[in-house]
């Protein structure tokens, strides 16, 4: 099953511009004020949280409130352009590796 959707550079530029505006919103400021990474639950200073797209822009995601979550830099860098189910599988493999060692 191919989970890749072709997205134009212009679509990505447009969605990144929307994300920049979303970061200025009170909604986003309230989200990061909690200081929690959506993925690992780590407590992080709000200034160190980044906006991550659950469904990545490169995979057809949009810069909407329902698709954007605060993420620590480590989780955001590791997730890259993975879909939520691919990210869950990645985390499960990490847990399995840790248990096996």
N, C-alpha and C. Protein backbone atom coordinates (compact mmCIF):
# COMPACT_ATOMS: atom_id res chain seq x y z
N UNK A 1 0.85 -1.17 0.00
CA UNK A 1 0.00 0.00 0.00
C UNK A 1 0.89 1.24 0.00
N UNK A 2 0.71 2.10 -0.98
CA UNK A 2 1.50 3.31 -1.08
C UNK A 2 0.82 4.42 -0.28
N UNK A 3 1.51 4.93 0.72
CA UNK A 3 0.95 5.96 1.58
C UNK A 3 1.51 7.34 1.25
N UNK A 4 2.09 7.48 0.07
CA UNK A 4 2.69 8.76 -0.30
C UNK A 4 1.77 9.48 -1.27
N UNK A 5 1.48 10.72 -0.97
CA UNK A 5 0.67 11.58 -1.83
C UNK A 5 1.60 12.62 -2.42
N UNK A 6 1.52 12.82 -3.72
CA UNK A 6 2.37 13.82 -4.34
C UNK A 6 1.89 15.21 -3.95
N UNK A 7 2.80 16.00 -3.43
CA UNK A 7 2.50 17.36 -2.98
C UNK A 7 3.46 18.31 -3.68
N UNK A 8 2.92 19.38 -4.21
CA UNK A 8 3.78 20.33 -4.93
C UNK A 8 4.55 21.21 -3.96
N UNK A 9 5.65 21.76 -4.45
CA UNK A 9 6.44 22.70 -3.65
C UNK A 9 5.58 23.90 -3.25
N UNK A 10 4.71 24.32 -4.15
CA UNK A 10 3.84 25.47 -3.86
C UNK A 10 2.87 25.14 -2.72
N UNK A 11 2.33 23.92 -2.71
CA UNK A 11 1.44 23.51 -1.61
C UNK A 11 2.19 23.56 -0.28
N UNK A 12 3.41 23.07 -0.27
CA UNK A 12 4.20 23.06 0.97
C UNK A 12 4.52 24.48 1.40
N UNK A 13 4.89 25.35 0.47
CA UNK A 13 5.16 26.76 0.82
C UNK A 13 3.92 27.41 1.44
N UNK A 14 2.76 27.16 0.84
CA UNK A 14 1.51 27.74 1.32
C UNK A 14 1.20 27.25 2.74
N UNK A 15 1.37 25.95 2.98
CA UNK A 15 1.07 25.39 4.29
C UNK A 15 2.09 25.85 5.34
N UNK A 16 3.34 26.02 4.95
CA UNK A 16 4.34 26.55 5.90
C UNK A 16 4.01 27.98 6.30
N UNK A 17 3.51 28.77 5.34
CA UNK A 17 3.09 30.15 5.66
C UNK A 17 1.93 30.12 6.65
N UNK A 18 1.00 29.20 6.45
CA UNK A 18 -0.13 29.06 7.38
C UNK A 18 0.37 28.65 8.76
N UNK A 19 1.37 27.77 8.81
CA UNK A 19 1.93 27.32 10.09
C UNK A 19 2.59 28.49 10.82
N UNK A 20 3.28 29.35 10.08
CA UNK A 20 3.89 30.53 10.72
C UNK A 20 2.82 31.40 11.37
N UNK A 21 1.69 31.57 10.69
CA UNK A 21 0.59 32.35 11.26
C UNK A 21 -0.02 31.64 12.46
N UNK A 22 -0.16 30.33 12.36
CA UNK A 22 -0.74 29.55 13.46
C UNK A 22 0.12 29.67 14.72
N UNK A 23 1.43 29.72 14.55
CA UNK A 23 2.34 29.87 15.71
C UNK A 23 2.13 31.19 16.45
N UNK A 24 1.58 32.18 15.78
CA UNK A 24 1.32 33.48 16.41
C UNK A 24 -0.01 33.51 17.15
N UNK A 25 -0.84 32.50 16.96
CA UNK A 25 -2.20 32.51 17.51
C UNK A 25 -2.22 32.22 19.01
N UNK A 26 -3.26 32.70 19.67
CA UNK A 26 -3.45 32.40 21.09
C UNK A 26 -3.63 30.90 21.30
N UNK A 27 -4.27 30.24 20.35
CA UNK A 27 -4.47 28.79 20.46
C UNK A 27 -3.11 28.10 20.61
N UNK A 28 -2.15 28.43 19.75
CA UNK A 28 -0.83 27.80 19.80
C UNK A 28 -0.09 28.18 21.08
N UNK A 29 -0.16 29.45 21.44
CA UNK A 29 0.51 29.90 22.67
C UNK A 29 -0.03 29.14 23.88
N UNK A 30 -1.33 28.88 23.92
CA UNK A 30 -1.91 28.09 25.01
C UNK A 30 -1.43 26.64 24.97
N UNK A 31 -1.30 26.09 23.77
CA UNK A 31 -0.83 24.70 23.64
C UNK A 31 0.59 24.55 24.16
N UNK A 32 1.48 25.46 23.78
CA UNK A 32 2.87 25.30 24.21
C UNK A 32 3.07 25.74 25.66
N UNK A 33 2.17 26.56 26.18
CA UNK A 33 2.29 26.99 27.58
C UNK A 33 2.23 25.80 28.53
N UNK A 34 1.59 24.72 28.10
CA UNK A 34 1.51 23.51 28.92
C UNK A 34 2.87 22.84 29.05
N UNK A 35 3.75 23.10 28.09
CA UNK A 35 5.12 22.58 28.16
C UNK A 35 5.23 21.07 28.02
N UNK A 36 4.33 20.46 27.24
CA UNK A 36 4.35 19.00 27.06
C UNK A 36 4.52 18.62 25.60
N UNK A 37 5.42 17.69 25.36
CA UNK A 37 5.56 17.12 24.02
C UNK A 37 4.39 16.18 23.77
N UNK A 38 3.74 16.34 22.64
CA UNK A 38 2.60 15.49 22.27
C UNK A 38 3.00 14.02 22.18
N UNK A 39 4.21 13.75 21.74
CA UNK A 39 4.62 12.38 21.46
C UNK A 39 5.17 11.64 22.67
N UNK A 40 6.12 12.23 23.37
CA UNK A 40 6.77 11.51 24.47
C UNK A 40 6.29 11.95 25.85
N UNK A 41 5.54 13.05 25.89
CA UNK A 41 5.02 13.54 27.16
C UNK A 41 6.04 14.26 28.02
N UNK A 42 7.24 14.48 27.49
CA UNK A 42 8.29 15.15 28.26
C UNK A 42 7.90 16.59 28.57
N UNK A 43 8.29 17.03 29.75
CA UNK A 43 8.12 18.44 30.13
C UNK A 43 9.25 19.22 29.47
N UNK A 44 8.87 20.23 28.71
CA UNK A 44 9.83 21.01 27.94
C UNK A 44 9.46 22.49 28.10
N UNK A 45 10.47 23.34 28.16
CA UNK A 45 10.17 24.77 28.18
C UNK A 45 9.40 25.13 26.91
N UNK A 46 8.34 25.94 27.04
CA UNK A 46 7.54 26.28 25.86
C UNK A 46 8.36 26.77 24.67
N UNK A 47 9.40 27.54 24.92
CA UNK A 47 10.23 28.06 23.82
C UNK A 47 10.97 26.95 23.08
N UNK A 48 11.09 25.78 23.70
CA UNK A 48 11.81 24.67 23.07
C UNK A 48 10.88 23.71 22.34
N UNK A 49 9.58 23.96 22.39
CA UNK A 49 8.64 23.11 21.66
C UNK A 49 8.50 23.61 20.23
N UNK A 50 8.40 22.69 19.30
CA UNK A 50 8.21 23.06 17.90
C UNK A 50 6.83 22.59 17.45
N UNK A 51 6.36 23.19 16.39
CA UNK A 51 5.07 22.81 15.82
C UNK A 51 5.31 21.64 14.88
N UNK A 52 4.64 20.53 15.13
CA UNK A 52 4.77 19.37 14.26
C UNK A 52 3.42 19.06 13.64
N UNK A 53 3.44 18.64 12.40
CA UNK A 53 2.22 18.23 11.70
C UNK A 53 2.05 16.73 11.88
N UNK A 54 0.93 16.32 12.48
CA UNK A 54 0.66 14.89 12.64
C UNK A 54 0.75 14.20 11.29
N UNK A 55 0.00 14.71 10.33
CA UNK A 55 0.12 14.26 8.94
C UNK A 55 1.06 15.27 8.27
N UNK A 56 2.29 14.86 7.99
CA UNK A 56 3.31 15.80 7.50
C UNK A 56 2.91 16.51 6.20
N UNK A 57 3.40 17.72 6.06
CA UNK A 57 3.12 18.49 4.84
C UNK A 57 3.54 17.72 3.60
N UNK A 58 4.68 17.06 3.67
CA UNK A 58 5.20 16.30 2.52
C UNK A 58 4.31 15.12 2.16
N UNK A 59 3.40 14.75 3.06
CA UNK A 59 2.49 13.63 2.83
C UNK A 59 1.06 14.11 2.63
N UNK A 60 0.88 15.41 2.40
CA UNK A 60 -0.44 15.95 2.11
C UNK A 60 -1.13 16.60 3.30
N UNK A 61 -0.44 16.73 4.43
CA UNK A 61 -1.03 17.34 5.61
C UNK A 61 -1.23 18.83 5.44
N UNK A 62 -2.07 19.38 6.29
CA UNK A 62 -2.38 20.81 6.26
C UNK A 62 -1.98 21.45 7.59
N UNK A 63 -1.81 22.75 7.56
CA UNK A 63 -1.48 23.51 8.77
C UNK A 63 -2.78 23.97 9.43
N UNK A 64 -3.43 23.03 10.11
CA UNK A 64 -4.68 23.31 10.81
C UNK A 64 -4.52 22.94 12.27
N UNK A 65 -5.40 23.45 13.11
CA UNK A 65 -5.34 23.13 14.54
C UNK A 65 -5.43 21.63 14.79
N UNK A 66 -6.21 20.95 14.02
CA UNK A 66 -6.38 19.51 14.21
C UNK A 66 -5.18 18.68 13.76
N UNK A 67 -4.29 19.28 13.01
CA UNK A 67 -3.14 18.55 12.48
C UNK A 67 -1.81 19.00 13.09
N UNK A 68 -1.83 20.01 13.93
CA UNK A 68 -0.59 20.56 14.50
C UNK A 68 -0.52 20.32 15.99
N UNK A 69 0.63 19.82 16.44
CA UNK A 69 0.84 19.52 17.85
C UNK A 69 2.21 20.02 18.29
N UNK A 70 2.36 20.32 19.60
CA UNK A 70 3.69 20.69 20.10
C UNK A 70 4.56 19.45 20.27
N UNK A 71 5.79 19.55 19.83
CA UNK A 71 6.72 18.41 19.93
C UNK A 71 8.09 18.90 20.39
N UNK A 72 8.74 18.09 21.21
CA UNK A 72 10.11 18.41 21.58
C UNK A 72 10.97 18.23 20.32
N UNK A 73 12.12 18.85 20.33
CA UNK A 73 12.99 18.80 19.14
C UNK A 73 13.37 17.36 18.79
N UNK A 74 13.65 16.55 19.82
CA UNK A 74 14.07 15.17 19.55
C UNK A 74 12.98 14.38 18.84
N UNK A 75 11.74 14.46 19.34
CA UNK A 75 10.64 13.73 18.70
C UNK A 75 10.38 14.27 17.30
N UNK A 76 10.38 15.58 17.15
CA UNK A 76 10.12 16.17 15.85
C UNK A 76 11.19 15.75 14.84
N UNK A 77 12.45 15.74 15.26
CA UNK A 77 13.53 15.31 14.36
C UNK A 77 13.43 13.84 14.01
N UNK A 78 13.04 13.02 14.96
CA UNK A 78 12.93 11.58 14.70
C UNK A 78 11.72 11.25 13.83
N UNK A 79 10.62 11.95 14.06
CA UNK A 79 9.39 11.65 13.32
C UNK A 79 9.53 12.02 11.85
N UNK A 80 10.17 13.11 11.56
CA UNK A 80 10.36 13.59 10.19
C UNK A 80 9.04 13.60 9.43
N UNK A 81 8.94 12.82 8.35
CA UNK A 81 7.70 12.84 7.57
C UNK A 81 6.91 11.54 7.70
N UNK A 82 7.03 10.91 8.87
CA UNK A 82 6.28 9.68 9.11
C UNK A 82 4.81 9.98 9.39
N UNK A 83 3.95 9.09 8.92
CA UNK A 83 2.53 9.15 9.26
C UNK A 83 2.36 8.68 10.70
N UNK A 84 1.25 9.04 11.35
CA UNK A 84 1.05 8.61 12.74
C UNK A 84 1.22 7.11 12.94
N UNK A 85 0.69 6.29 12.05
CA UNK A 85 0.82 4.84 12.24
C UNK A 85 2.27 4.38 12.03
N UNK A 86 3.00 5.04 11.14
CA UNK A 86 4.42 4.70 10.94
C UNK A 86 5.23 5.11 12.17
N UNK A 87 4.90 6.25 12.76
CA UNK A 87 5.58 6.72 13.97
C UNK A 87 5.32 5.74 15.12
N UNK A 88 4.07 5.29 15.26
CA UNK A 88 3.74 4.32 16.31
C UNK A 88 4.53 3.03 16.12
N UNK A 89 4.66 2.57 14.87
CA UNK A 89 5.44 1.36 14.59
C UNK A 89 6.91 1.58 14.94
N UNK A 90 7.44 2.74 14.64
CA UNK A 90 8.82 3.09 14.96
C UNK A 90 9.04 3.04 16.47
N UNK A 91 8.13 3.65 17.23
CA UNK A 91 8.25 3.64 18.69
C UNK A 91 8.15 2.22 19.24
N UNK A 92 7.27 1.41 18.67
CA UNK A 92 7.13 0.02 19.12
C UNK A 92 8.43 -0.75 18.89
N UNK A 93 9.07 -0.53 17.74
CA UNK A 93 10.35 -1.19 17.46
C UNK A 93 11.41 -0.75 18.47
N UNK A 94 11.43 0.53 18.81
CA UNK A 94 12.38 1.02 19.81
C UNK A 94 12.15 0.35 21.16
N UNK A 95 10.89 0.24 21.56
CA UNK A 95 10.56 -0.41 22.84
C UNK A 95 10.98 -1.87 22.81
N UNK A 96 10.70 -2.55 21.70
CA UNK A 96 11.07 -3.97 21.57
C UNK A 96 12.58 -4.14 21.65
N UNK A 97 13.32 -3.23 21.04
CA UNK A 97 14.78 -3.29 21.08
C UNK A 97 15.28 -3.07 22.51
N UNK A 98 14.70 -2.11 23.21
CA UNK A 98 15.10 -1.83 24.59
C UNK A 98 14.81 -3.01 25.50
N UNK A 99 13.68 -3.69 25.30
CA UNK A 99 13.31 -4.84 26.12
C UNK A 99 14.24 -6.01 25.84
N UNK A 100 14.62 -6.20 24.58
CA UNK A 100 15.48 -7.33 24.19
C UNK A 100 16.90 -7.18 24.73
N UNK A 101 17.32 -5.97 24.97
CA UNK A 101 18.72 -5.75 25.40
C UNK A 101 18.91 -6.01 26.84
